[in-house]
Amino acid sequence: MFCQKCGKENTDGAAFCNSCGAPIVTVGASPKNKVIQAKIQTKREQVEGISQIGPILLCLLGLPCLLLYIIPGAIMIGVAIWWSSSRENEKKKLENEIKELQAEMAE
């Protein structure tokens, strides 16, 4: 017997579904109904499979975005910080040279 709500198979004569708890509606046990119930179960399993593929695809698509945008962005920020600090060092060096030349003029 299959549950009409969730499609899971239950033992014959069960009053409620073992999976979702819905009342079991007794449908004639004709071969046609069994085939239809099996098809319903197959379709529901396919639906469950599709819903599980979505997050996996998002992860697979997200990884290239991480590699293409975030990592190079972090590298560019690092280069900008390094370049800025090297410019600051050069600026300080030139200011010290100016002070030395001013001190030399004062003598």
C-alpha atoms as a PDB file:
ATOM      1  CA  MET A   1       0.000   0.000   0.000  1.00  0.00           C
ATOM      2  CA  PHE A   2       1.255   3.482  -0.855  1.00  0.00           C
ATOM      3  CA  CYS A   3       0.474   6.716   0.965  1.00  0.00           C
ATOM      4  CA  GLN A   4      -1.595   9.098  -1.173  1.00  0.00           C
ATOM      5  CA  LYS A   5       0.116  12.120   0.436  1.00  0.00           C
ATOM      6  CA  CYS A   6       3.848  11.295   0.389  1.00  0.00           C
ATOM      7  CA  GLY A   7       3.899   8.230  -1.871  1.00  0.00           C
ATOM      8  CA  LYS A   8       5.899   6.036   0.522  1.00  0.00           C
ATOM      9  CA  GLU A   9       5.111   2.354   0.692  1.00  0.00           C
ATOM     10  CA  ASN A  10       3.421   1.075   3.862  1.00  0.00           C
ATOM     11  CA  THR A  11       2.459  -2.332   5.166  1.00  0.00           C
ATOM     12  CA  ASP A  12      -0.893  -3.683   4.055  1.00  0.00           C
ATOM     13  CA  GLY A  13      -3.704  -2.804   6.444  1.00  0.00           C
ATOM     14  CA  ALA A  14      -1.897   0.235   7.966  1.00  0.00           C
ATOM     15  CA  ALA A  15      -4.249   3.005   9.046  1.00  0.00           C
ATOM     16  CA  PHE A  16      -1.607   5.753   8.949  1.00  0.00           C
ATOM     17  CA  CYS A  17       1.524   6.330   6.884  1.00  0.00           C
ATOM     18  CA  ASN A  18       4.751   5.320   8.630  1.00  0.00           C
ATOM     19  CA  SER A  19       6.565   8.206   6.922  1.00  0.00           C
ATOM     20  CA  CYS A  20       4.287  11.280   7.115  1.00  0.00           C
ATOM     21  CA  GLY A  21       1.497  10.119   9.464  1.00  0.00           C
ATOM     22  CA  ALA A  22      -1.310  10.830   7.014  1.00  0.00           C
ATOM     23  CA  PRO A  23      -4.319   8.531   7.081  1.00  0.00           C
ATOM     24  CA  ILE A  24      -4.024   5.762   4.512  1.00  0.00           C
ATOM     25  CA  VAL A  25      -6.842   5.821   2.003  1.00  0.00           C
ATOM     26  CA  THR A  26      -7.536   2.309   0.887  1.00  0.00           C
ATOM     27  CA  VAL A  27      -7.587   2.217  -2.860  1.00  0.00           C
ATOM     28  CA  GLY A  28      -8.602  -0.908  -4.640  1.00  0.00           C
ATOM     29  CA  ALA A  29      -5.689  -3.281  -4.898  1.00  0.00           C
ATOM     30  CA  SER A  30      -6.138  -3.767  -8.604  1.00  0.00           C
ATOM     31  CA  PRO A  31      -2.986  -4.197 -10.689  1.00  0.00           C
ATOM     32  CA  LYS A  32      -3.768  -0.908 -12.434  1.00  0.00           C
ATOM     33  CA  ASN A  33      -3.803   1.010  -9.127  1.00  0.00           C
ATOM     34  CA  LYS A  34      -0.543  -0.625  -8.030  1.00  0.00           C
ATOM     35  CA  VAL A  35       1.123   0.423 -11.285  1.00  0.00           C
ATOM     36  CA  ILE A  36      -0.185   3.978 -10.891  1.00  0.00           C
ATOM     37  CA  GLN A  37       1.012   4.126  -7.287  1.00  0.00           C
ATOM     38  CA  ALA A  38       4.466   2.877  -8.332  1.00  0.00           C
ATOM     39  CA  LYS A  39       4.616   5.584 -11.020  1.00  0.00           C
ATOM     40  CA  ILE A  40       3.624   8.214  -8.454  1.00  0.00           C
ATOM     41  CA  GLN A  41       6.402   7.014  -6.145  1.00  0.00           C
ATOM     42  CA  THR A  42       8.938   7.124  -8.994  1.00  0.00           C
ATOM     43  CA  LYS A  43       7.905  10.685  -9.914  1.00  0.00           C
ATOM     44  CA  ARG A  44       8.169  11.816  -6.283  1.00  0.00           C
ATOM     45  CA  GLU A  45      11.666  10.334  -6.024  1.00  0.00           C
ATOM     46  CA  GLN A  46      12.618  12.210  -9.196  1.00  0.00           C
ATOM     47  CA  VAL A  47      11.301  15.450  -7.669  1.00  0.00           C
ATOM     48  CA  GLU A  48      13.372  14.842  -4.533  1.00  0.00           C
ATOM     49  CA  GLY A  49      16.451  14.193  -6.680  1.00  0.00           C
ATOM     50  CA  ILE A  50      15.971  17.441  -8.582  1.00  0.00           C
ATOM     51  CA  SER A  51      15.664  19.508  -5.417  1.00  0.00           C
ATOM     52  CA  GLN A  52      18.954  18.059  -4.136  1.00  0.00           C
ATOM     53  CA  ILE A  53      20.817  18.919  -7.338  1.00  0.00           C
ATOM     54  CA  GLY A  54      20.211  22.681  -6.954  1.00  0.00           C
ATOM     55  CA  PRO A  55      22.509  23.315  -3.961  1.00  0.00           C
ATOM     56  CA  ILE A  56      25.228  21.160  -5.490  1.00  0.00           C
ATOM     57  CA  LEU A  57      25.103  23.186  -8.714  1.00  0.00           C
ATOM     58  CA  LEU A  58      25.270  26.432  -6.748  1.00  0.00           C
ATOM     59  CA  CYS A  59      28.397  25.223  -4.972  1.00  0.00           C
ATOM     60  CA  LEU A  60      29.991  24.161  -8.238  1.00  0.00           C
ATOM     61  CA  LEU A  61      29.184  27.518  -9.817  1.00  0.00           C
ATOM     62  CA  GLY A  62      30.231  29.462  -6.737  1.00  0.00           C
ATOM     63  CA  LEU A  63      33.748  28.029  -6.658  1.00  0.00           C
ATOM     64  CA  PRO A  64      34.828  29.594  -9.974  1.00  0.00           C
ATOM     65  CA  CYS A  65      33.400  32.930  -8.810  1.00  0.00           C
ATOM     66  CA  LEU A  66      35.499  32.638  -5.678  1.00  0.00           C
ATOM     67  CA  LEU A  67      38.594  31.877  -7.697  1.00  0.00           C
ATOM     68  CA  LEU A  68      37.929  34.501 -10.367  1.00  0.00           C
ATOM     69  CA  TYR A  69      36.834  37.454  -8.225  1.00  0.00           C
ATOM     70  CA  ILE A  70      37.542  37.186  -4.520  1.00  0.00           C
ATOM     71  CA  ILE A  71      41.087  35.821  -4.597  1.00  0.00           C
ATOM     72  CA  PRO A  72      42.340  38.259  -7.277  1.00  0.00           C
ATOM     73  CA  GLY A  73      40.564  41.058  -5.391  1.00  0.00           C
ATOM     74  CA  ALA A  74      42.417  40.136  -2.203  1.00  0.00           C
ATOM     75  CA  ILE A  75      45.692  40.045  -4.132  1.00  0.00           C
ATOM     76  CA  MET A  76      44.992  43.493  -5.595  1.00  0.00           C
ATOM     77  CA  ILE A  77      44.275  44.896  -2.123  1.00  0.00           C
ATOM     78  CA  GLY A  78      47.542  43.417  -0.874  1.00  0.00           C
ATOM     79  CA  VAL A  79      49.447  44.961  -3.774  1.00  0.00           C
ATOM     80  CA  ALA A  80      47.795  48.334  -3.146  1.00  0.00           C
ATOM     81  CA  ILE A  81      48.790  48.232   0.534  1.00  0.00           C
ATOM     82  CA  TRP A  82      52.349  47.238  -0.338  1.00  0.00           C
ATOM     83  CA  TRP A  83      52.617  49.950  -2.987  1.00  0.00           C
ATOM     84  CA  SER A  84      51.206  52.557  -0.621  1.00  0.00           C
ATOM     85  CA  SER A  85      53.642  51.610   2.143  1.00  0.00           C
ATOM     86  CA  SER A  86      56.596  51.657  -0.256  1.00  0.00           C
ATOM     87  CA  ARG A  87      55.561  55.142  -1.401  1.00  0.00           C
ATOM     88  CA  GLU A  88      55.370  56.253   2.246  1.00  0.00           C
ATOM     89  CA  ASN A  89      58.903  54.974   2.855  1.00  0.00           C
ATOM     90  CA  GLU A  90      60.167  56.852  -0.191  1.00  0.00           C
ATOM     91  CA  LYS A  91      58.379  60.005   0.978  1.00  0.00           C
ATOM     92  CA  LYS A  92      59.996  59.760   4.443  1.00  0.00           C
ATOM     93  CA  LYS A  93      63.412  59.212   2.877  1.00  0.00           C
ATOM     94  CA  LEU A  94      63.024  62.339   0.719  1.00  0.00           C
ATOM     95  CA  GLU A  95      61.817  64.399   3.701  1.00  0.00           C
ATOM     96  CA  ASN A  96      64.879  63.308   5.684  1.00  0.00           C
ATOM     97  CA  GLU A  97      67.152  64.316   2.794  1.00  0.00           C
ATOM     98  CA  ILE A  98      65.426  67.726   2.688  1.00  0.00           C
ATOM     99  CA  LYS A  99      66.026  68.158   6.425  1.00  0.00           C
ATOM    100  CA  GLU A 100      69.707  67.219   6.003  1.00  0.00           C
ATOM    101  CA  LEU A 101      70.086  69.735   3.182  1.00  0.00           C
ATOM    102  CA  GLN A 102      68.340  72.432   5.257  1.00  0.00           C
ATOM    103  CA  ALA A 103      70.640  71.662   8.190  1.00  0.00           C
ATOM    104  CA  GLU A 104      73.618  71.871   5.851  1.00  0.00           C
ATOM    105  CA  MET A 105      72.470  75.297   4.631  1.00  0.00           C
ATOM    106  CA  ALA A 106      72.065  76.535   8.221  1.00  0.00           C
ATOM    107  CA  GLU A 107      75.710  75.788   9.051  1.00  0.00           C
END
